[in-house]
Protein backbone atom coordinates (compact mmCIF):
# COMPACT_ATOMS: atom_id res chain seq x y z
CA MET A 1 0.00 0.00 0.00
CA ILE A 2 1.27 3.49 -0.88
CA ASP A 3 0.98 5.66 2.24
CA SER A 4 3.56 8.40 1.67
CA LYS A 5 4.50 10.89 -0.99
CA TYR A 6 7.99 9.38 -1.15
CA GLN A 7 6.60 5.92 -1.99
CA TYR A 8 4.18 7.34 -4.56
CA LEU A 9 6.85 9.30 -6.43
CA LYS A 10 9.24 6.37 -6.28
CA THR A 11 6.71 4.23 -8.14
CA ILE A 12 6.38 6.98 -10.76
CA THR A 13 10.08 7.46 -11.36
CA LYS A 14 10.73 3.74 -11.75
CA GLN A 15 8.90 3.98 -15.09
CA LEU A 16 11.16 6.77 -16.37
CA TYR A 17 14.42 4.89 -16.55
CA ASN A 18 13.84 3.67 -20.10
CA MET A 19 14.53 7.19 -21.37
CA ARG A 20 17.64 7.54 -23.49
CA THR A 21 20.65 9.65 -22.53
CA LYS A 22 23.62 10.65 -24.63
CA ASP A 23 26.17 7.87 -25.08
CA ILE A 24 29.25 8.96 -23.12
CA GLY A 25 32.77 7.55 -23.23
CA LYS A 26 35.32 7.51 -20.41
CA GLU A 27 36.51 11.01 -21.33
CA VAL A 28 34.38 14.16 -21.55
CA ASP A 29 35.48 17.55 -22.84
CA GLY A 30 32.93 20.33 -22.64
CA THR A 31 31.56 22.74 -20.04
CA THR A 32 29.93 22.83 -16.64
CA PRO A 33 26.87 25.19 -16.60
CA PRO A 34 28.29 25.79 -13.77
CA SER A 35 26.87 22.97 -11.67
CA VAL A 36 27.84 20.75 -8.74
CA PHE A 37 26.06 17.89 -6.99
CA ILE A 38 26.62 16.54 -3.49
CA GLY A 39 24.99 13.20 -2.69
CA SER A 40 23.67 12.09 0.69
CA TYR A 41 24.44 8.37 0.48
CA ASN A 42 26.92 7.17 3.13
CA TYR A 43 26.93 10.56 4.91
CA PRO A 44 29.28 11.93 6.35
CA LYS A 45 31.39 10.58 3.47
CA VAL A 46 29.56 11.57 0.32
CA PHE A 47 29.85 11.53 -3.45
CA ALA A 48 30.69 15.07 -4.57
CA GLY A 49 31.38 16.33 -8.04
CA PRO A 50 30.51 18.46 -11.07
CA LEU A 51 27.76 18.11 -13.64
CA LEU A 52 29.24 18.33 -17.13
CA ALA A 53 27.82 18.97 -20.59
CA PRO A 54 29.77 17.10 -23.33
CA SER A 55 29.74 20.16 -25.59
CA PHE A 56 31.53 23.50 -25.76
CA ASP A 57 28.28 25.37 -26.39
CA ASP A 58 27.08 27.62 -23.56
CA SER A 59 25.46 25.16 -21.14
CA ALA A 60 24.19 27.73 -18.59
CA ILE A 61 20.50 27.06 -19.33
CA MET A 62 20.92 23.42 -18.23
CA ASP A 63 21.17 24.44 -14.58
CA ARG A 64 19.34 27.75 -14.40
CA PRO A 65 15.82 26.82 -13.20
CA GLU A 66 14.90 30.47 -12.61
CA GLU A 67 14.80 30.87 -16.40
CA TRP A 68 12.98 27.72 -17.44
CA ILE A 69 9.39 28.77 -16.77
CA ALA A 70 9.98 32.37 -17.83
CA SER A 71 11.30 31.11 -21.18
CA ASN A 72 8.34 28.70 -21.61
CA ALA A 73 10.58 25.64 -21.53
CA SER A 74 8.48 22.48 -21.71
CA GLN A 75 8.79 19.48 -19.43
CA GLN A 76 10.59 17.66 -22.24
CA ASP A 77 12.93 20.62 -22.80
CA ILE A 78 13.96 20.55 -19.14
CA ILE A 79 14.41 16.78 -19.12
CA GLY A 80 16.53 17.16 -22.24
CA TYR A 81 18.75 19.76 -20.57
CA ARG A 82 19.20 17.66 -17.48
CA LEU A 83 19.72 14.20 -18.97
CA ASN A 84 22.53 15.62 -21.10
CA LEU A 85 24.44 16.52 -17.93
CA VAL A 86 27.00 13.91 -16.87
CA ARG A 87 27.71 13.60 -13.15
CA GLY A 88 31.29 13.10 -12.06
CA LYS A 89 31.92 12.09 -8.46
CA GLN A 90 34.51 11.25 -5.85
CA THR A 91 34.04 10.15 -2.24
CA ILE A 92 34.84 13.02 0.14
CA GLY A 93 34.41 13.57 3.88
CA ILE A 94 32.08 16.51 4.50
CA LYS A 95 34.77 18.44 6.45
CA ASP A 96 37.56 17.70 3.95
CA LEU A 97 37.52 21.09 2.24
CA GLU A 98 41.27 21.65 2.10
CA ASN A 99 42.00 19.76 -1.08
CA ASN A 100 42.38 20.69 -4.72
CA TYR A 101 39.31 18.77 -5.91
CA ILE A 102 36.90 20.49 -3.51
CA GLU A 103 38.47 23.86 -4.27
CA LYS A 104 37.56 23.27 -7.93
CA LEU A 105 33.98 22.48 -6.95
CA GLN A 106 33.86 25.64 -4.86
CA GLU A 107 35.14 27.68 -7.79
CA ILE A 108 32.45 26.13 -10.00
CA SER A 109 29.72 26.97 -7.48
CA MET A 110 30.73 30.64 -7.45
CA ALA A 111 31.25 31.02 -11.20
CA SER A 112 29.35 33.70 -13.08
CA LYS A 113 29.11 31.70 -16.34
CA SER A 114 29.81 28.32 -17.95
CA ILE A 115 33.30 26.94 -17.50
CA ALA A 116 35.30 24.84 -19.96
CA SER A 117 35.98 21.48 -18.30
CA GLU A 118 37.53 18.12 -19.00
CA ALA A 119 37.06 14.86 -17.16
CA GLU A 120 38.31 11.29 -17.28
CA PHE A 121 36.24 8.59 -15.58
CA ASN A 122 37.27 5.24 -14.12
CA LYS A 123 34.41 3.61 -16.02
CA LYS A 124 31.99 4.69 -18.70
CA PRO A 125 29.21 6.83 -17.12
CA VAL A 126 25.81 5.13 -17.06
CA GLY A 127 22.27 5.59 -15.76
CA MET A 128 20.15 8.60 -14.89
CA THR A 129 18.51 10.04 -11.78
CA PHE A 130 15.02 11.45 -11.14
CA SER A 131 14.02 12.81 -7.75
CA ALA A 132 11.22 14.73 -6.05
CA GLU A 133 13.80 17.09 -4.51
CA ASN A 134 16.60 17.50 -7.05
CA ALA A 135 16.47 18.23 -10.77
CA PRO A 136 17.25 15.07 -12.79
CA HIS A 137 20.63 14.40 -14.34
CA GLY A 138 22.11 11.94 -16.80
CA PRO A 139 24.77 9.22 -16.50
CA SER A 140 27.34 9.20 -13.70
CA ALA A 141 30.66 7.61 -12.81
CA GLU A 142 33.60 8.12 -10.48
CA LEU A 143 36.21 10.57 -11.71
CA LYS A 144 39.83 9.69 -12.40
CA LYS A 145 40.86 13.22 -13.42
CA PHE A 146 39.06 16.55 -13.54
CA ASP A 147 40.20 20.01 -14.65
CA ILE A 148 38.55 23.37 -15.33
CA ASP A 149 39.61 26.59 -17.05
CA ASN A 150 40.09 29.80 -15.11
CA VAL A 151 36.91 30.91 -13.37
CA ARG A 152 35.42 34.36 -12.96
CA TRP A 153 33.54 34.43 -9.66
CA ASP A 154 30.23 36.13 -8.97
CA HIS A 155 31.15 39.22 -6.91
CA GLN A 156 28.52 38.70 -4.19
CA LEU A 157 29.39 35.03 -3.72
CA GLU A 158 33.07 35.94 -3.58
CA LYS A 159 32.43 38.41 -0.74
CA THR A 160 30.62 35.85 1.42
CA TYR A 161 33.31 33.24 0.66
CA TYR A 162 36.07 35.43 2.06
CA ASP A 163 34.05 36.55 5.10
CA THR A 164 34.88 33.63 7.38
CA ASP A 165 33.28 35.31 10.43
CA LEU A 166 29.85 35.61 8.77
CA ARG A 167 27.25 33.02 9.79
CA ALA A 168 25.91 30.90 6.92
CA ALA A 169 22.32 32.01 7.60
CA ASP A 170 23.39 35.65 7.42
CA ALA A 171 25.26 34.99 4.17
CA VAL A 172 22.15 33.40 2.65
CA GLU A 173 20.05 36.39 3.73
CA ILE A 174 22.53 38.89 2.26
CA LEU A 175 22.74 37.04 -1.05
CA HIS A 176 18.94 36.76 -1.29
CA ASP A 177 18.60 40.49 -0.60
CA LYS A 178 21.14 41.14 -3.37
CA ASN A 179 18.94 39.16 -5.80
CA VAL A 180 21.51 36.42 -6.36
CA PRO A 181 19.52 33.56 -7.97
CA PHE A 182 18.37 30.90 -5.52
CA SER A 183 20.12 28.13 -7.49
CA GLN A 184 23.47 29.92 -7.18
CA ILE A 185 23.05 30.49 -3.44
CA GLN A 186 22.13 26.84 -2.92
CA LYS A 187 25.08 25.47 -4.90
CA ALA A 188 27.57 27.70 -3.11
CA PHE A 189 26.03 26.73 0.24
CA SER A 190 26.28 23.02 -0.58
CA VAL A 191 30.05 23.06 -1.18
CA GLY A 192 30.96 24.93 1.99
CA THR A 193 31.71 28.41 0.65
CA MET A 194 29.81 30.32 3.34
CA GLY A 195 29.60 30.41 7.10
CA GLU A 196 32.14 30.71 9.89
CA LYS A 197 35.40 29.01 8.97
CA LYS A 198 35.18 26.31 11.65
CA ASN A 199 31.63 25.37 10.63
CA ARG A 200 32.05 25.07 6.87
CA LYS A 201 31.33 21.67 5.34
CA LEU A 202 29.77 19.93 2.35
CA VAL A 203 25.98 19.72 2.48
CA PRO A 204 24.12 17.19 0.28
CA THR A 205 22.29 18.97 -2.52
CA ARG A 206 18.87 17.73 -1.38
CA TRP A 207 19.46 19.03 2.15
CA SER A 208 20.99 22.30 1.03
CA ILE A 209 17.91 23.19 -1.05
CA THR A 210 15.65 22.89 1.99
CA ALA A 211 18.21 24.61 4.23
CA VAL A 212 18.35 27.68 1.97
CA ASP A 213 14.56 27.75 1.48
CA SER A 214 14.01 27.50 5.24
CA THR A 215 16.63 30.11 6.09
CA ILE A 216 15.09 32.66 3.73
CA ALA A 217 11.53 31.79 4.80
CA ASP A 218 12.33 32.12 8.51
CA ARG A 219 13.83 35.56 8.02
CA LEU A 220 10.88 36.72 5.90
CA LEU A 221 8.36 35.35 8.37
CA GLY A 222 10.06 37.27 11.17
CA ASN A 223 9.19 40.45 9.28
CA VAL A 224 5.73 39.40 8.03
CA ARG A 225 4.47 38.68 11.56
CA HIS A 226 4.67 42.44 12.31
CA TYR A 227 2.69 43.62 9.27
CA ASP A 228 -1.02 44.48 9.13
CA ILE A 229 -3.28 41.56 8.33
CA LEU A 230 -4.82 41.35 4.86
CA ASP A 231 -8.45 42.53 4.94
CA ILE A 232 -9.83 40.43 2.07
CA PHE A 233 -9.46 36.96 0.52
CA ARG A 234 -7.07 36.67 -2.41
CA VAL A 235 -6.47 33.84 -4.88
CA TYR A 236 -3.28 33.67 -6.91
CA GLU A 237 -2.95 30.98 -9.58
CA PHE A 238 -0.57 29.68 -12.22
CA GLU A 239 -0.34 26.67 -14.49
CA SER A 240 2.73 25.14 -16.16
CA LEU A 241 4.73 21.92 -16.49
CA ASN A 242 1.60 19.79 -15.97
CA ASN A 243 0.80 21.47 -12.66
CA TYR A 244 -1.96 23.85 -11.53
CA TYR A 245 -1.43 25.97 -8.40
CA ALA A 246 -3.95 28.08 -6.48
CA ILE A 247 -2.74 30.04 -3.46
CA LEU A 248 -5.49 31.23 -1.13
CA GLU A 249 -4.55 34.14 1.15
CA MET A 250 -6.88 34.63 4.11
CA PRO A 251 -7.36 37.64 6.45
CA THR A 252 -5.74 35.91 9.46
CA GLN A 253 -2.42 35.83 11.22
CA TRP A 254 0.22 33.69 9.55
CA GLN A 255 -0.74 30.04 9.19
CA TYR A 256 0.06 27.82 6.25
CA GLU A 257 -0.98 24.58 4.59
CA TRP A 258 0.52 22.88 1.56
CA MET A 259 -1.78 20.45 -0.25
CA GLU A 260 -0.78 18.56 -3.40
CA ALA A 261 -2.79 16.12 -5.46
CA PHE A 262 -1.27 13.75 -8.01
CA LEU A 263 -3.95 12.81 -10.52
CA ASP A 264 -3.38 9.20 -11.56
CA VAL A 265 0.21 9.95 -12.60
CA LYS A 266 1.58 7.07 -14.70
CA GLY A 267 -1.51 5.03 -13.82
CA LYS A 268 -0.68 4.91 -10.11
CA GLY A 269 -4.00 6.28 -8.87
CA SER A 270 -4.79 9.71 -7.43
CA MET A 271 -3.32 10.71 -4.07
CA ILE A 272 -3.38 13.87 -1.94
CA PHE A 273 -0.57 14.75 0.48
CA THR A 274 -0.71 17.66 2.94
CA ASP A 275 1.14 19.31 5.80
CA CYS A 276 0.60 22.53 7.73
CA GLU A 277 1.73 24.87 10.47
CA HIS A 278 -0.18 27.19 12.76
CA ASN A 279 0.94 30.62 13.89
CA LYS A 280 3.82 29.33 16.03
CA GLY A 281 5.43 27.62 13.05
CA LYS A 282 6.68 24.08 12.50
CA LYS A 283 9.40 22.29 14.46
CA GLU A 284 9.63 18.84 12.86
CA TYR A 285 10.64 18.18 9.24
CA SER A 286 7.66 18.20 6.89
CA ARG A 287 6.25 14.82 5.87
CA VAL A 288 5.81 16.11 2.30
CA GLY A 289 9.46 17.07 1.92
CA GLY A 290 11.10 20.07 0.33
CA CYS A 291 8.02 21.32 -1.57
CA TYR A 292 6.57 22.48 1.75
CA TYR A 293 9.48 24.82 2.45
CA THR A 294 10.03 26.14 -1.05
CA ALA A 295 6.34 27.08 -1.48
CA LYS A 296 6.37 28.76 1.93
CA MET A 297 9.44 30.78 0.98
CA ALA A 298 7.94 31.92 -2.36
CA ILE A 299 4.69 33.02 -0.68
CA LEU A 300 6.52 34.91 2.06
CA GLU A 301 8.57 36.75 -0.58
CA GLN A 302 5.33 38.24 -1.89
CA LEU A 303 3.91 39.04 1.56
CA GLU A 304 7.16 40.80 2.44
CA ALA A 305 6.99 42.81 -0.79
CA ASP A 306 3.37 43.80 -0.02
CA LYS A 307 4.15 44.47 3.67
CA LEU A 308 1.14 42.35 4.65
CA GLN A 309 0.43 39.33 6.85
CA ALA A 310 -2.01 36.56 5.87
CA GLY A 311 -2.83 32.92 6.36
CA CYS A 312 -2.14 30.84 3.24
CA ILE A 313 -3.44 27.55 1.84
CA VAL A 314 -1.95 26.11 -1.35
CA PHE A 315 -3.81 23.76 -3.70
CA ARG A 316 -1.63 21.93 -6.20
CA GLU A 317 -2.76 19.44 -8.83
CA ALA A 318 -0.21 17.52 -10.90
CA ASN A 319 -1.87 15.88 -13.87
CA GLU A 320 -1.32 12.44 -15.38
CA ASP A 321 1.60 13.65 -17.55
CA TYR A 322 3.57 15.04 -14.60
CA ILE A 323 7.20 13.96 -14.12
CA PRO A 324 9.11 14.81 -10.92
CA LEU A 325 11.67 17.49 -11.80
CA GLY A 326 12.71 18.69 -8.33
CA VAL A 327 11.37 21.33 -5.97
CA PHE A 328 12.42 24.16 -8.30
CA ASN A 329 9.17 23.29 -10.11
CA VAL A 330 7.16 24.39 -7.07
CA ARG A 331 9.33 27.39 -6.19
CA GLU A 332 9.33 28.97 -9.62
CA ASN A 333 5.68 28.19 -10.39
CA ILE A 334 4.55 29.80 -7.14
CA ARG A 335 6.84 32.77 -7.67
CA HIS A 336 5.18 33.27 -11.05
CA ALA A 337 1.74 32.86 -9.49
CA MET A 338 2.50 35.52 -6.88
CA LYS A 339 3.49 37.98 -9.62
CA GLU A 340 0.07 37.66 -11.27
CA LYS A 341 -2.78 39.98 -10.29
CA PRO A 342 -4.84 38.10 -7.66
CA ARG A 343 -8.59 37.63 -7.71
CA GLU A 344 -10.22 39.15 -4.63
CA PHE A 345 -13.26 37.85 -2.76
CA GLU A 346 -15.29 38.96 0.24
CA THR A 347 -15.76 35.48 1.69
CA MET A 348 -13.94 32.20 2.02
CA ARG A 349 -16.81 30.38 0.34
CA GLN A 350 -16.52 32.59 -2.76
CA SER A 351 -12.76 31.97 -2.85
CA LEU A 352 -13.15 28.21 -2.59
CA ASP A 353 -15.93 28.14 -5.18
CA TYR A 354 -13.61 29.90 -7.62
CA ILE A 355 -10.72 27.52 -6.88
CA GLU A 356 -12.98 24.46 -7.19
CA GLY A 357 -13.97 25.63 -10.67
CA LYS A 358 -10.31 25.29 -11.69
CA LEU A 359 -9.55 21.99 -9.96
CA LYS A 360 -10.24 18.51 -11.29
CA LEU A 361 -10.82 17.23 -7.76
CA SER A 362 -13.27 18.90 -5.39
CA VAL A 363 -12.42 21.18 -2.49
CA ASP A 364 -14.02 18.53 -0.26
CA ASP A 365 -11.47 16.00 -1.56
CA PHE A 366 -8.70 18.31 -0.37
CA ARG A 367 -10.52 19.08 2.87
CA ARG A 368 -10.70 15.40 3.80
CA ALA A 369 -6.91 15.16 3.48
CA SER A 370 -6.21 18.48 5.18
CA GLN A 371 -5.87 19.76 8.70
CA LEU A 372 -5.77 23.55 8.44
CA LEU A 373 -8.41 23.96 5.71
CA ASP A 374 -10.76 21.75 7.69
CA GLU A 375 -10.09 23.69 10.90
CA VAL A 376 -10.66 27.08 9.25
CA LEU A 377 -13.94 25.98 7.66
CA LYS A 378 -15.20 24.47 10.92
CA GLU A 379 -14.22 27.62 12.81
CA ARG A 380 -16.06 29.85 10.35
CA GLN A 381 -19.13 27.64 10.45
CA THR A 382 -19.12 27.72 14.28
CA THR A 383 -18.87 31.52 14.17
CA LEU A 384 -21.81 31.76 11.78
CA ASP A 385 -23.89 29.36 13.87
CA ALA A 386 -23.23 31.45 16.97
CA TYR A 387 -24.07 34.67 15.13
CA PHE A 388 -27.46 33.41 13.88
CA SER A 389 -28.47 31.51 17.03
């Protein structure tokens, strides 16, 4: 029986491994977008290495998720970018930063553009990887040799790298405020280029994505809690990459629920997964994984920009053609949704009626799987009953 999002998506991705990737030999000359990947297997000794494109064309678009939706890249376009990236890897202890190989990865993570690279592998790279958290990539193998051309660093990332007294959370906040793309902040964070010197270490890519999302969200929420509360209901929406998102903002103090429905993806039946937090926030790691944190961060970016506080409930539907591409899919879709002009409603019922008109499932389907939505509706019904009694 499938009883978790992780199990559900695992059954989906098993069917994807018959896709074809570029045939790669034991040597690759080309570029890195720039891109690095740190695995979590066998932590605290992990596989760390670059992602390489076997071509000297500019490969930047292959690892620049902030541009994919804006440029109307299709799901197949993105899969094509990613499966043409070859992952090189070596086993490294997470604190072993003082070696030439890791220094190259750090240079890559702070690069301002694609870097000419060459690699020799112990064996021919094979396979591919799909994940709910990370963007997919193509074949992989352990590296025998790896070299890169001279690198021009991003100025903001360079400043945080050399400030060895600056806490990592403060570095993330500074870089976000300077509009450094999220993907660049996350990559630099993952290879230990920020934070106090004694605390720097490699962080698996999957963990670093959530760490950066959470760090930014926590700082934004600290501000949002002090703003005036929204005085109306708002619905933001956006649709792309086989997903529909509706974000309901309510005139309450901060509270948040993430709800996602997968609609018979790859014939595996429809499932809804949810998680939420009340005004005091959330202590334990979310049962729905990184999507929870990245959506929260994107919503709080907009509330901070508007200088408003609100409660938020997110409805997501992924249709039968959906393929897991990583949490960037959620982050960038919701960022685009929050840039659209919202629809405004006087009541919660009007808001939910509008959302239900866009969903394939019913609001009641989501309510049965939810906690916060159910609580809010019960509370409002109790208030109405008391008013008319």
